Amino acid sequence: MAENERTTLQKIQTAACEEFLKKGFQGASLRNIVRQAGVTTGAFYGYFESKEELFDALVKTQYTHILEMYQTTLDRFQKMLPDEQRSCMLDYTIEEMSYMTDYIYDNFVAFKLILCCSEGTPYENLIHDMSQMDCDATHDFYNTMNKNGIPMNAVHPQLEHMLTSGMFCAFFEMVVHDIPKENTAEYIRQLVHFYEAGWQKIMGF
């Protein structure tokens, strides 16, 4: 890509971030984005066909990657031996959520857009999507424990989703409220301890 093309694209994306952050996806105006970028409408359409495509360019990679990161985390946990799952769940969860936090802060604007400005796009479902992944993993954990002679209490799927949604809402508050990264390590540790104690109480492990 030529330098002038790169500069034009950067101007469009910078202006788009500002517009989306101020007004959200639905309220954002392509006319304002073009004007703030200082480019022509024709120049804009040389890069993007629509507002939707522009928003995709700003967040799709990060949205996909965080889901892949979490799925990899769940898959690795599932491959552990049952006793190992029980004994290391707390430390494992803290460590993996810390890795995700590093990625989120390295791509903070993208996650701000996803969590605060994406209504009307497929990206507004991030918390729901991660919660469903966690619910599926909880079922796997429950089945693994019971198959290996470690009885546990079943949890109603609706309650599972309420609890996991609450955890991810709390986790992503660091983005919603612009919490400094240096504070997040302790917050994550305490958050995981809080939810771990709750799951142990209701599942009986």
Protein backbone atom coordinates (compact mmCIF):
# COMPACT_ATOMS: atom_id res chain seq x y z
CA MET A 1 0.00 0.00 0.00
CA ALA A 2 1.42 3.40 -0.99
CA GLU A 3 2.16 5.88 1.80
CA ASN A 4 -0.58 8.30 0.74
CA GLU A 5 -3.09 5.43 0.64
CA ARG A 6 -2.02 4.32 4.10
CA THR A 7 -2.43 7.87 5.39
CA THR A 8 -5.91 8.18 3.88
CA LEU A 9 -6.97 4.87 5.41
CA GLN A 10 -5.56 5.88 8.79
CA LYS A 11 -7.45 9.18 8.65
CA ILE A 12 -10.71 7.40 7.90
CA GLN A 13 -10.21 4.85 10.67
CA THR A 14 -9.18 7.49 13.21
CA ALA A 15 -12.20 9.64 12.40
CA ALA A 16 -14.43 6.56 12.52
CA CYS A 17 -13.18 5.58 15.97
CA GLU A 18 -13.94 9.06 17.27
CA GLU A 19 -17.42 9.08 15.72
CA PHE A 20 -18.32 5.57 16.90
CA LEU A 21 -17.04 6.25 20.41
CA LYS A 22 -19.13 9.40 20.66
CA LYS A 23 -22.35 8.16 19.08
CA GLY A 24 -22.21 4.38 18.87
CA PHE A 25 -22.55 2.40 15.67
CA GLN A 26 -26.19 3.22 15.08
CA GLY A 27 -25.84 6.94 15.72
CA ALA A 28 -22.60 7.41 13.80
CA SER A 29 -22.73 9.32 10.53
CA LEU A 30 -20.61 8.47 7.50
CA ARG A 31 -20.89 12.09 6.47
CA ASN A 32 -19.26 13.17 9.74
CA ILE A 33 -16.56 10.53 9.42
CA VAL A 34 -15.67 11.65 5.91
CA ARG A 35 -15.65 15.29 6.93
CA GLN A 36 -13.52 14.71 10.03
CA ALA A 37 -11.11 12.57 8.02
CA GLY A 38 -10.75 15.34 5.45
CA VAL A 39 -11.35 12.99 2.53
CA THR A 40 -13.95 12.79 -0.20
CA THR A 41 -16.89 10.41 -0.17
CA GLY A 42 -15.37 8.77 -3.22
CA ALA A 43 -12.14 8.19 -1.34
CA PHE A 44 -14.07 6.58 1.50
CA TYR A 45 -15.86 4.17 -0.81
CA GLY A 46 -12.53 3.24 -2.29
CA TYR A 47 -11.80 1.51 1.02
CA PHE A 48 -15.17 0.56 2.49
CA GLU A 49 -18.56 -0.21 1.01
CA SER A 50 -20.56 0.72 4.12
CA LYS A 51 -20.53 1.80 7.74
CA GLU A 52 -20.86 -1.87 8.67
CA GLU A 53 -17.72 -2.79 6.76
CA LEU A 54 -15.84 0.08 8.36
CA PHE A 55 -16.85 -1.07 11.86
CA ASP A 56 -15.81 -4.62 10.94
CA ALA A 57 -12.36 -3.35 10.02
CA LEU A 58 -11.98 -1.75 13.44
CA VAL A 59 -13.10 -4.65 15.64
CA LYS A 60 -13.51 -7.96 13.82
CA THR A 61 -9.95 -9.21 14.34
CA GLN A 62 -10.02 -8.44 18.06
CA TYR A 63 -13.51 -9.90 18.55
CA THR A 64 -12.53 -13.13 16.82
CA HIS A 65 -9.21 -13.41 18.61
CA ILE A 66 -10.58 -12.98 22.14
CA LEU A 67 -13.13 -15.73 21.49
CA GLU A 68 -10.39 -17.97 20.12
CA MET A 69 -8.20 -17.22 23.14
CA TYR A 70 -10.99 -18.18 25.51
CA GLN A 71 -11.88 -21.33 23.61
CA THR A 72 -8.22 -22.40 23.70
CA THR A 73 -8.21 -21.80 27.45
CA LEU A 74 -11.30 -23.97 27.91
CA ASP A 75 -9.95 -26.71 25.65
CA ARG A 76 -6.66 -26.92 27.58
CA PHE A 77 -8.52 -27.15 30.85
CA GLN A 78 -10.77 -29.93 29.57
CA LYS A 79 -7.72 -32.02 28.64
CA MET A 80 -6.44 -32.01 32.23
CA LEU A 81 -6.98 -34.97 34.52
CA PRO A 82 -10.03 -34.65 36.79
CA ASP A 83 -8.02 -34.15 40.00
CA GLU A 84 -5.87 -31.58 38.23
CA GLN A 85 -8.95 -29.69 37.08
CA ARG A 86 -10.21 -29.45 40.64
CA SER A 87 -6.88 -28.51 42.20
CA CYS A 88 -5.66 -25.92 39.73
CA MET A 89 -8.91 -24.31 38.55
CA LEU A 90 -8.41 -21.12 40.56
CA ASP A 91 -4.82 -20.40 39.55
CA TYR A 92 -5.45 -21.49 35.98
CA THR A 93 -8.41 -19.14 35.61
CA ILE A 94 -6.51 -16.18 37.07
CA GLU A 95 -3.57 -16.79 34.75
CA GLU A 96 -5.67 -17.16 31.62
CA MET A 97 -7.84 -14.12 32.37
CA SER A 98 -4.64 -12.15 32.89
CA TYR A 99 -3.45 -13.16 29.40
CA MET A 100 -6.76 -12.00 27.96
CA THR A 101 -6.44 -8.74 29.87
CA ASP A 102 -3.05 -8.09 28.28
CA TYR A 103 -4.56 -8.56 24.83
CA ILE A 104 -7.52 -6.35 25.66
CA TYR A 105 -5.31 -3.48 26.84
CA ASP A 106 -3.09 -3.85 23.79
CA ASN A 107 -6.26 -3.32 21.72
CA PHE A 108 -8.18 -1.11 24.11
CA VAL A 109 -10.00 1.11 21.60
CA ALA A 110 -11.29 -1.90 19.68
CA PHE A 111 -12.73 -3.42 22.85
CA LYS A 112 -14.20 -0.09 23.89
CA LEU A 113 -16.02 -0.05 20.57
CA ILE A 114 -17.17 -3.65 20.97
CA LEU A 115 -18.42 -3.27 24.53
CA CYS A 116 -19.84 0.25 24.45
CA CYS A 117 -20.62 1.16 20.84
CA SER A 118 -21.57 -1.98 18.91
CA GLU A 119 -25.34 -2.11 19.34
CA GLY A 120 -26.85 -3.00 15.98
CA THR A 121 -23.86 -5.13 14.93
CA PRO A 122 -22.96 -8.80 15.48
CA TYR A 123 -20.30 -7.65 17.95
CA GLU A 124 -22.81 -6.54 20.58
CA ASN A 125 -23.07 -10.20 21.65
CA LEU A 126 -19.54 -10.64 23.00
CA ILE A 127 -20.58 -11.20 26.62
CA HIS A 128 -23.38 -13.54 25.56
CA ASP A 129 -21.03 -15.53 23.31
CA MET A 130 -18.36 -15.92 25.99
CA SER A 131 -20.98 -16.80 28.59
CA GLN A 132 -22.33 -19.58 26.38
CA MET A 133 -18.82 -20.94 25.90
CA ASP A 134 -18.35 -20.94 29.66
CA CYS A 135 -21.70 -22.67 30.21
CA ASP A 136 -20.68 -25.43 27.79
CA ALA A 137 -17.38 -25.81 29.65
CA THR A 138 -19.23 -26.00 32.97
CA HIS A 139 -21.32 -28.87 31.61
CA ASP A 140 -18.13 -30.65 30.53
CA PHE A 141 -16.59 -30.14 33.98
CA TYR A 142 -19.73 -31.46 35.70
CA ASN A 143 -19.82 -34.54 33.47
CA THR A 144 -16.10 -35.21 33.90
CA MET A 145 -16.30 -35.05 37.67
CA ASN A 146 -19.35 -37.32 37.90
CA LYS A 147 -17.90 -39.87 35.48
CA ASN A 148 -14.82 -40.07 37.70
CA GLY A 149 -16.69 -40.67 40.93
CA ILE A 150 -16.72 -37.05 42.13
CA PRO A 151 -20.41 -36.22 42.55
CA MET A 152 -21.49 -32.65 42.00
CA ASN A 153 -24.72 -30.74 42.14
CA ALA A 154 -26.29 -29.92 38.78
CA VAL A 155 -26.97 -26.24 38.08
CA HIS A 156 -29.97 -25.14 36.02
CA PRO A 157 -28.87 -23.79 32.61
CA GLN A 158 -30.66 -20.49 33.19
CA LEU A 159 -28.79 -19.94 36.44
CA GLU A 160 -25.53 -20.95 34.78
CA HIS A 161 -26.02 -18.29 32.13
CA MET A 162 -26.92 -15.68 34.73
CA LEU A 163 -23.77 -16.41 36.70
CA THR A 164 -21.40 -16.54 33.75
CA SER A 165 -22.89 -13.38 32.22
CA GLY A 166 -22.39 -11.64 35.54
CA MET A 167 -18.75 -12.70 35.63
CA PHE A 168 -17.99 -11.43 32.14
CA CYS A 169 -19.89 -8.20 32.72
CA ALA A 170 -17.71 -7.65 35.78
CA PHE A 171 -14.55 -8.63 33.91
CA PHE A 172 -15.19 -6.17 31.09
CA GLU A 173 -15.98 -3.31 33.47
CA MET A 174 -12.27 -2.52 33.24
CA VAL A 175 -12.88 -1.42 29.65
CA VAL A 176 -16.28 0.17 30.14
CA HIS A 177 -14.96 2.35 32.97
CA ASP A 178 -11.41 2.90 31.67
CA ILE A 179 -9.76 1.27 34.67
CA PRO A 180 -5.95 1.68 34.59
CA LYS A 181 -4.25 -1.56 33.65
CA GLU A 182 -2.02 -1.48 36.73
CA ASN A 183 -5.12 -2.02 38.88
CA THR A 184 -6.50 -4.97 36.96
CA ALA A 185 -4.26 -7.78 38.24
CA GLU A 186 -5.60 -7.54 41.78
CA TYR A 187 -9.17 -6.99 40.60
CA ILE A 188 -9.05 -10.10 38.44
CA ARG A 189 -7.58 -12.18 41.24
CA GLN A 190 -10.36 -11.13 43.63
CA LEU A 191 -13.04 -11.51 40.95
CA VAL A 192 -11.99 -15.09 40.23
CA HIS A 193 -11.82 -15.91 43.95
CA PHE A 194 -15.34 -14.52 44.38
CA TYR A 195 -16.86 -16.58 41.58
CA GLU A 196 -14.85 -19.69 42.40
CA ALA A 197 -16.23 -19.68 45.95
CA GLY A 198 -19.74 -19.32 44.58
CA TRP A 199 -19.40 -22.21 42.12
CA GLN A 200 -17.92 -24.42 44.85
CA LYS A 201 -20.86 -23.65 47.10
CA ILE A 202 -23.64 -24.38 44.64
CA MET A 203 -21.96 -27.31 42.84
CA GLY A 204 -20.55 -28.84 46.02
CA PHE A 205 -16.89 -29.39 45.10
